[in-house]
Every structure is written in structure tokens, then in C-alpha cells.
Amino acid sequence: MPIAHVNAAKWSLSALAAGVLLAGCSGSVSIGNSDPKMASDKLADTVAEKLASTMNQPKPDITCPDDLVGKVDTTTRCTLNAKDGSTLGITVTVTGVDGKQINFDIKADDTPTPAPN
């Protein structure tokens, strides 16, 4: 039986949140400049790819307003934007830096923010 578009979007966001919380995610990216910093657009793309691969779902729309500084325990916040207008906060935490490579973990918030009415 087909699932309505809105219900499917809510299910996908809920499933993604649950999967990220249960499975956890981590990533690693080598960057090409001398400063250990990842640009916000590259970070958003990397987080989206990691979540899609972990959850076996299409690549979600992720935005990260700040660059990720390559210093252990540094965090930044990103947002997963669902098609129904709801959002889910994502915390990215640097777990290690090896030269120009930044290793990080991804953790979704427990509860999404509903779409505005």
C-alpha cells in the first residue's frame, strides 16, 4: 500500500534520526589547504553523503552555516531539511586530526522540529 507523500517524508526523517542515533556516524575528509579547516559547503555535502550511505536513503538536504575547524572536540551544528519543511539538528564533533585530514562524528538530535504551519 503506498504511503502518502507527507507521511513518507515524516517517516524518512524519523527513520533517519533513529538510524543516526542508533548507528552513529563518523567521517573523515582530507582537505587541500594548509589550515585544518573544512568549508561549510564541503562539510554539508560530506555529512549528507555519510547519512545517505548509513541509512541506505537518498542524499538528504543538509546545511552547515559554519566551517569545521580541525581541532579535537570542536563542534559545529548542521541542519537536515526535510521535504515537508521539518528540520533535524545534527552535531558534528571533531574526533581527530592527522595533518590535513579531519575525522569527525555525526549525531542527530533526538527530536525533529516540525514544519511551520
N, C-alpha and C. Protein backbone atom coordinates (compact mmCIF):
# COMPACT_ATOMS: atom_id res chain seq x y z
N MET A 1 0.84 -1.17 0.00
CA MET A 1 0.00 0.00 0.00
C MET A 1 0.88 1.23 0.00
N PRO A 2 0.66 2.18 -0.92
CA PRO A 2 1.52 3.37 -1.00
C PRO A 2 1.35 4.26 0.24
N ILE A 3 2.41 4.94 0.61
CA ILE A 3 2.40 5.87 1.74
C ILE A 3 2.26 7.27 1.17
N ALA A 4 1.44 8.09 1.77
CA ALA A 4 1.25 9.46 1.31
C ALA A 4 2.58 10.20 1.36
N HIS A 5 2.73 11.20 0.49
CA HIS A 5 3.99 11.95 0.37
C HIS A 5 4.41 12.57 1.70
N VAL A 6 3.50 13.22 2.40
CA VAL A 6 3.84 13.85 3.67
C VAL A 6 4.22 12.80 4.69
N ASN A 7 3.46 11.73 4.77
CA ASN A 7 3.80 10.66 5.72
C ASN A 7 5.14 10.04 5.38
N ALA A 8 5.42 9.87 4.09
CA ALA A 8 6.71 9.30 3.68
C ALA A 8 7.85 10.21 4.10
N ALA A 9 7.66 11.53 3.94
CA ALA A 9 8.71 12.47 4.34
C ALA A 9 8.93 12.42 5.84
N LYS A 10 7.85 12.37 6.61
CA LYS A 10 7.99 12.28 8.06
C LYS A 10 8.65 10.97 8.46
N TRP A 11 8.25 9.87 7.82
CA TRP A 11 8.83 8.58 8.11
C TRP A 11 10.32 8.59 7.80
N SER A 12 10.69 9.16 6.66
CA SER A 12 12.10 9.20 6.28
C SER A 12 12.92 9.97 7.29
N LEU A 13 12.39 11.13 7.73
CA LEU A 13 13.12 11.93 8.70
C LEU A 13 13.21 11.19 10.03
N SER A 14 12.13 10.57 10.47
CA SER A 14 12.15 9.82 11.72
C SER A 14 13.08 8.62 11.62
N ALA A 15 13.02 7.92 10.51
CA ALA A 15 13.90 6.75 10.31
C ALA A 15 15.35 7.19 10.28
N LEU A 16 15.61 8.31 9.61
CA LEU A 16 16.98 8.81 9.53
C LEU A 16 17.48 9.19 10.92
N ALA A 17 16.66 9.89 11.67
CA ALA A 17 17.05 10.30 13.02
C ALA A 17 17.33 9.07 13.88
N ALA A 18 16.44 8.11 13.85
CA ALA A 18 16.62 6.90 14.64
C ALA A 18 17.88 6.16 14.21
N GLY A 19 18.08 6.05 12.93
CA GLY A 19 19.25 5.34 12.43
C GLY A 19 20.55 6.02 12.80
N VAL A 20 20.57 7.34 12.71
CA VAL A 20 21.78 8.07 13.07
C VAL A 20 22.06 7.91 14.55
N LEU A 21 21.01 7.96 15.36
CA LEU A 21 21.20 7.81 16.80
C LEU A 21 21.67 6.41 17.15
N LEU A 22 21.11 5.41 16.50
CA LEU A 22 21.46 4.04 16.82
C LEU A 22 22.80 3.64 16.24
N ALA A 23 23.01 3.98 14.97
CA ALA A 23 24.22 3.54 14.29
C ALA A 23 25.38 4.47 14.55
N GLY A 24 25.10 5.76 14.75
CA GLY A 24 26.16 6.74 14.85
C GLY A 24 26.85 6.85 13.50
N CYS A 25 27.46 7.92 13.27
CA CYS A 25 28.17 8.12 12.01
C CYS A 25 29.49 8.77 12.32
N SER A 26 30.43 8.50 11.48
CA SER A 26 31.68 9.21 11.56
C SER A 26 32.19 9.41 10.16
N GLY A 27 33.02 10.39 10.00
CA GLY A 27 33.55 10.68 8.69
C GLY A 27 34.98 11.11 8.80
N SER A 28 35.60 11.20 7.66
CA SER A 28 36.98 11.62 7.59
C SER A 28 37.18 12.26 6.23
N VAL A 29 37.77 13.43 6.23
CA VAL A 29 37.98 14.13 4.98
C VAL A 29 39.36 14.75 4.98
N SER A 30 40.08 14.58 3.89
CA SER A 30 41.35 15.28 3.73
C SER A 30 41.07 16.57 2.98
N ILE A 31 41.64 17.66 3.46
CA ILE A 31 41.41 18.93 2.82
C ILE A 31 42.71 19.44 2.23
N GLY A 32 42.59 20.28 1.21
CA GLY A 32 43.76 20.65 0.43
C GLY A 32 44.49 21.89 0.86
N ASN A 33 44.04 22.61 1.88
CA ASN A 33 44.78 23.81 2.26
C ASN A 33 45.65 23.53 3.49
N SER A 34 46.45 24.51 3.88
CA SER A 34 47.38 24.29 4.98
C SER A 34 46.71 24.36 6.35
N ASP A 35 45.57 25.03 6.45
CA ASP A 35 44.85 25.10 7.72
C ASP A 35 43.92 23.90 7.84
N PRO A 36 43.88 23.28 9.03
CA PRO A 36 42.95 22.17 9.20
C PRO A 36 41.53 22.70 9.41
N LYS A 37 40.87 23.03 8.31
CA LYS A 37 39.52 23.57 8.35
C LYS A 37 38.78 23.05 7.13
N MET A 38 37.51 22.68 7.33
CA MET A 38 36.68 22.22 6.23
C MET A 38 35.59 23.26 5.98
N ALA A 39 35.45 23.67 4.74
CA ALA A 39 34.44 24.66 4.37
C ALA A 39 33.04 24.12 4.66
N SER A 40 32.13 25.00 5.03
CA SER A 40 30.78 24.60 5.42
C SER A 40 30.05 23.84 4.32
N ASP A 41 30.22 24.24 3.05
CA ASP A 41 29.54 23.53 1.96
C ASP A 41 30.10 22.13 1.76
N LYS A 42 31.40 21.95 1.92
CA LYS A 42 32.03 20.64 1.83
C LYS A 42 31.58 19.76 3.01
N LEU A 43 31.49 20.36 4.19
CA LEU A 43 31.03 19.63 5.36
C LEU A 43 29.59 19.16 5.16
N ALA A 44 28.71 20.03 4.68
CA ALA A 44 27.31 19.67 4.43
C ALA A 44 27.21 18.51 3.45
N ASP A 45 28.00 18.57 2.39
CA ASP A 45 27.98 17.51 1.38
C ASP A 45 28.49 16.19 1.96
N THR A 46 29.55 16.25 2.75
CA THR A 46 30.12 15.05 3.36
C THR A 46 29.15 14.42 4.35
N VAL A 47 28.51 15.25 5.18
CA VAL A 47 27.53 14.75 6.15
C VAL A 47 26.36 14.10 5.41
N ALA A 48 25.86 14.76 4.35
CA ALA A 48 24.74 14.21 3.57
C ALA A 48 25.11 12.87 2.95
N GLU A 49 26.31 12.77 2.38
CA GLU A 49 26.75 11.50 1.78
C GLU A 49 26.85 10.40 2.83
N LYS A 50 27.39 10.73 4.00
CA LYS A 50 27.55 9.73 5.06
C LYS A 50 26.20 9.26 5.57
N LEU A 51 25.27 10.20 5.77
CA LEU A 51 23.94 9.81 6.24
C LEU A 51 23.22 8.96 5.20
N ALA A 52 23.31 9.33 3.93
CA ALA A 52 22.66 8.56 2.87
C ALA A 52 23.21 7.15 2.82
N SER A 53 24.51 7.02 2.93
CA SER A 53 25.13 5.71 2.88
C SER A 53 24.79 4.87 4.11
N THR A 54 24.79 5.47 5.28
CA THR A 54 24.48 4.76 6.51
C THR A 54 23.04 4.29 6.54
N MET A 55 22.12 5.13 6.07
CA MET A 55 20.69 4.83 6.15
C MET A 55 20.15 4.18 4.88
N ASN A 56 20.98 4.03 3.85
CA ASN A 56 20.54 3.48 2.57
C ASN A 56 19.31 4.25 2.06
N GLN A 57 19.41 5.57 2.14
CA GLN A 57 18.36 6.50 1.71
C GLN A 57 18.97 7.46 0.70
N PRO A 58 18.11 8.20 -0.03
CA PRO A 58 18.65 9.24 -0.91
C PRO A 58 19.39 10.30 -0.08
N LYS A 59 20.31 10.99 -0.71
CA LYS A 59 21.11 12.02 -0.06
C LYS A 59 20.18 13.14 0.45
N PRO A 60 20.20 13.42 1.76
CA PRO A 60 19.32 14.46 2.30
C PRO A 60 19.88 15.86 2.05
N ASP A 61 19.01 16.85 2.23
CA ASP A 61 19.40 18.25 2.11
C ASP A 61 19.95 18.69 3.47
N ILE A 62 21.25 18.92 3.51
CA ILE A 62 21.93 19.32 4.74
C ILE A 62 22.52 20.71 4.53
N THR A 63 22.40 21.56 5.55
CA THR A 63 23.07 22.85 5.53
C THR A 63 23.93 22.97 6.78
N CYS A 64 25.12 23.51 6.61
CA CYS A 64 26.04 23.76 7.72
C CYS A 64 26.48 25.23 7.59
N PRO A 65 26.07 26.08 8.52
CA PRO A 65 26.38 27.50 8.39
C PRO A 65 27.84 27.86 8.66
N ASP A 66 28.56 27.00 9.39
CA ASP A 66 29.94 27.32 9.77
C ASP A 66 30.92 26.28 9.25
N ASP A 67 32.15 26.73 9.03
CA ASP A 67 33.23 25.82 8.69
C ASP A 67 33.54 24.94 9.90
N LEU A 68 34.13 23.78 9.65
CA LEU A 68 34.55 22.89 10.73
C LEU A 68 36.05 23.07 10.94
N VAL A 69 36.41 23.54 12.12
CA VAL A 69 37.81 23.76 12.47
C VAL A 69 38.40 22.44 12.94
N GLY A 70 39.55 22.08 12.40
CA GLY A 70 40.19 20.80 12.71
C GLY A 70 40.93 20.82 14.03
N LYS A 71 40.18 20.85 15.13
CA LYS A 71 40.74 20.77 16.47
C LYS A 71 39.86 19.80 17.25
N VAL A 72 40.47 18.80 17.87
CA VAL A 72 39.73 17.76 18.59
C VAL A 72 38.74 18.39 19.57
N ASP A 73 37.53 17.82 19.59
CA ASP A 73 36.40 18.22 20.43
C ASP A 73 35.70 19.49 19.95
N THR A 74 36.13 20.08 18.84
CA THR A 74 35.41 21.21 18.26
C THR A 74 34.11 20.68 17.68
N THR A 75 33.03 21.44 17.87
CA THR A 75 31.74 21.03 17.31
C THR A 75 31.18 22.15 16.44
N THR A 76 30.32 21.74 15.54
CA THR A 76 29.53 22.68 14.75
C THR A 76 28.17 22.06 14.55
N ARG A 77 27.19 22.87 14.23
CA ARG A 77 25.83 22.38 14.04
C ARG A 77 25.45 22.48 12.57
N CYS A 78 24.78 21.44 12.11
CA CYS A 78 24.22 21.40 10.76
C CYS A 78 22.73 21.11 10.90
N THR A 79 22.00 21.25 9.80
CA THR A 79 20.56 21.01 9.81
C THR A 79 20.18 20.15 8.63
N LEU A 80 19.40 19.10 8.91
CA LEU A 80 18.80 18.29 7.85
C LEU A 80 17.43 18.92 7.58
N ASN A 81 17.18 19.28 6.32
CA ASN A 81 15.93 19.93 5.92
C ASN A 81 15.08 18.93 5.15
N ALA A 82 13.97 18.49 5.77
CA ALA A 82 13.08 17.52 5.13
C ALA A 82 12.18 18.22 4.12
N LYS A 83 11.67 17.43 3.17
CA LYS A 83 10.82 17.97 2.12
C LYS A 83 9.52 18.54 2.66
N ASP A 84 9.05 18.05 3.82
CA ASP A 84 7.81 18.56 4.40
C ASP A 84 8.01 19.85 5.20
N GLY A 85 9.25 20.36 5.27
CA GLY A 85 9.53 21.60 5.99
C GLY A 85 10.05 21.40 7.39
N SER A 86 10.01 20.17 7.90
CA SER A 86 10.56 19.91 9.22
C SER A 86 12.09 19.86 9.12
N THR A 87 12.74 20.03 10.26
CA THR A 87 14.20 20.03 10.29
C THR A 87 14.69 19.13 11.42
N LEU A 88 15.93 18.72 11.31
CA LEU A 88 16.56 17.91 12.35
C LEU A 88 17.98 18.45 12.53
N GLY A 89 18.30 18.83 13.76
CA GLY A 89 19.64 19.32 14.06
C GLY A 89 20.65 18.19 14.11
N ILE A 90 21.85 18.47 13.66
CA ILE A 90 22.93 17.48 13.63
C ILE A 90 24.18 18.14 14.21
N THR A 91 24.80 17.47 15.17
CA THR A 91 26.05 17.96 15.75
C THR A 91 27.21 17.19 15.15
N VAL A 92 28.20 17.93 14.68
CA VAL A 92 29.42 17.34 14.11
C VAL A 92 30.54 17.65 15.10
N THR A 93 31.23 16.60 15.55
CA THR A 93 32.29 16.76 16.55
C THR A 93 33.60 16.19 15.99
N VAL A 94 34.65 16.99 16.03
CA VAL A 94 35.96 16.55 15.57
C VAL A 94 36.52 15.55 16.58
N THR A 95 36.89 14.37 16.06
CA THR A 95 37.45 13.32 16.92
C THR A 95 38.95 13.16 16.77
N GLY A 96 39.49 13.71 15.68
CA GLY A 96 40.92 13.61 15.47
C GLY A 96 41.35 14.39 14.24
N VAL A 97 42.61 14.77 14.22
CA VAL A 97 43.18 15.49 13.09
C VAL A 97 44.53 14.86 12.81
N ASP A 98 44.75 14.48 11.55
CA ASP A 98 46.02 13.90 11.14
C ASP A 98 46.51 14.70 9.94
N GLY A 99 47.37 15.67 10.20
CA GLY A 99 47.82 16.56 9.12
C GLY A 99 46.65 17.38 8.61
N LYS A 100 46.26 17.14 7.36
CA LYS A 100 45.15 17.86 6.75
C LYS A 100 43.84 17.09 6.82
N GLN A 101 43.87 15.92 7.41
CA GLN A 101 42.67 15.08 7.49
C GLN A 101 41.95 15.33 8.81
N ILE A 102 40.65 15.64 8.69
CA ILE A 102 39.81 15.87 9.87
C ILE A 102 38.87 14.67 10.02
N ASN A 103 38.90 14.02 11.17
CA ASN A 103 37.99 12.93 11.48
C ASN A 103 36.90 13.48 12.39
N PHE A 104 35.66 13.06 12.15
CA PHE A 104 34.56 13.59 12.95
C PHE A 104 33.44 12.59 13.09
N ASP A 105 32.63 12.78 14.15
CA ASP A 105 31.42 12.01 14.40
C ASP A 105 30.22 12.89 14.12
N ILE A 106 29.11 12.24 13.77
CA ILE A 106 27.86 12.92 13.47
C ILE A 106 26.80 12.37 14.41
N LYS A 107 26.05 13.26 15.07
CA LYS A 107 24.96 12.82 15.94
C LYS A 107 23.74 13.71 15.71
N ALA A 108 22.62 13.07 15.39
CA ALA A 108 21.37 13.79 15.17
C ALA A 108 20.70 14.07 16.51
N ASP A 109 19.95 15.16 16.56
CA ASP A 109 19.13 15.47 17.74
C ASP A 109 18.11 14.37 17.94
N ASP A 110 17.57 14.26 19.14
CA ASP A 110 16.58 13.25 19.45
C ASP A 110 15.24 13.51 18.77
N THR A 111 14.89 14.79 18.59
CA THR A 111 13.57 15.14 18.08
C THR A 111 13.68 16.16 16.96
N PRO A 112 12.97 15.92 15.83
CA PRO A 112 12.95 16.91 14.76
C PRO A 112 12.08 18.11 15.14
N THR A 113 12.31 19.23 14.48
CA THR A 113 11.46 20.41 14.63
C THR A 113 10.39 20.34 13.54
N PRO A 114 9.11 20.38 13.93
CA PRO A 114 8.05 20.25 12.93
C PRO A 114 8.04 21.42 11.96
N ALA A 115 7.45 21.19 10.81
CA ALA A 115 7.31 22.22 9.79
C ALA A 115 6.40 23.32 10.32
N PRO A 116 6.72 24.58 9.97
CA PRO A 116 5.83 25.66 10.38
C PRO A 116 4.48 25.52 9.68
N ASN A 117 3.42 25.91 10.36
CA ASN A 117 2.07 25.81 9.78
C ASN A 117 1.75 27.00 8.94
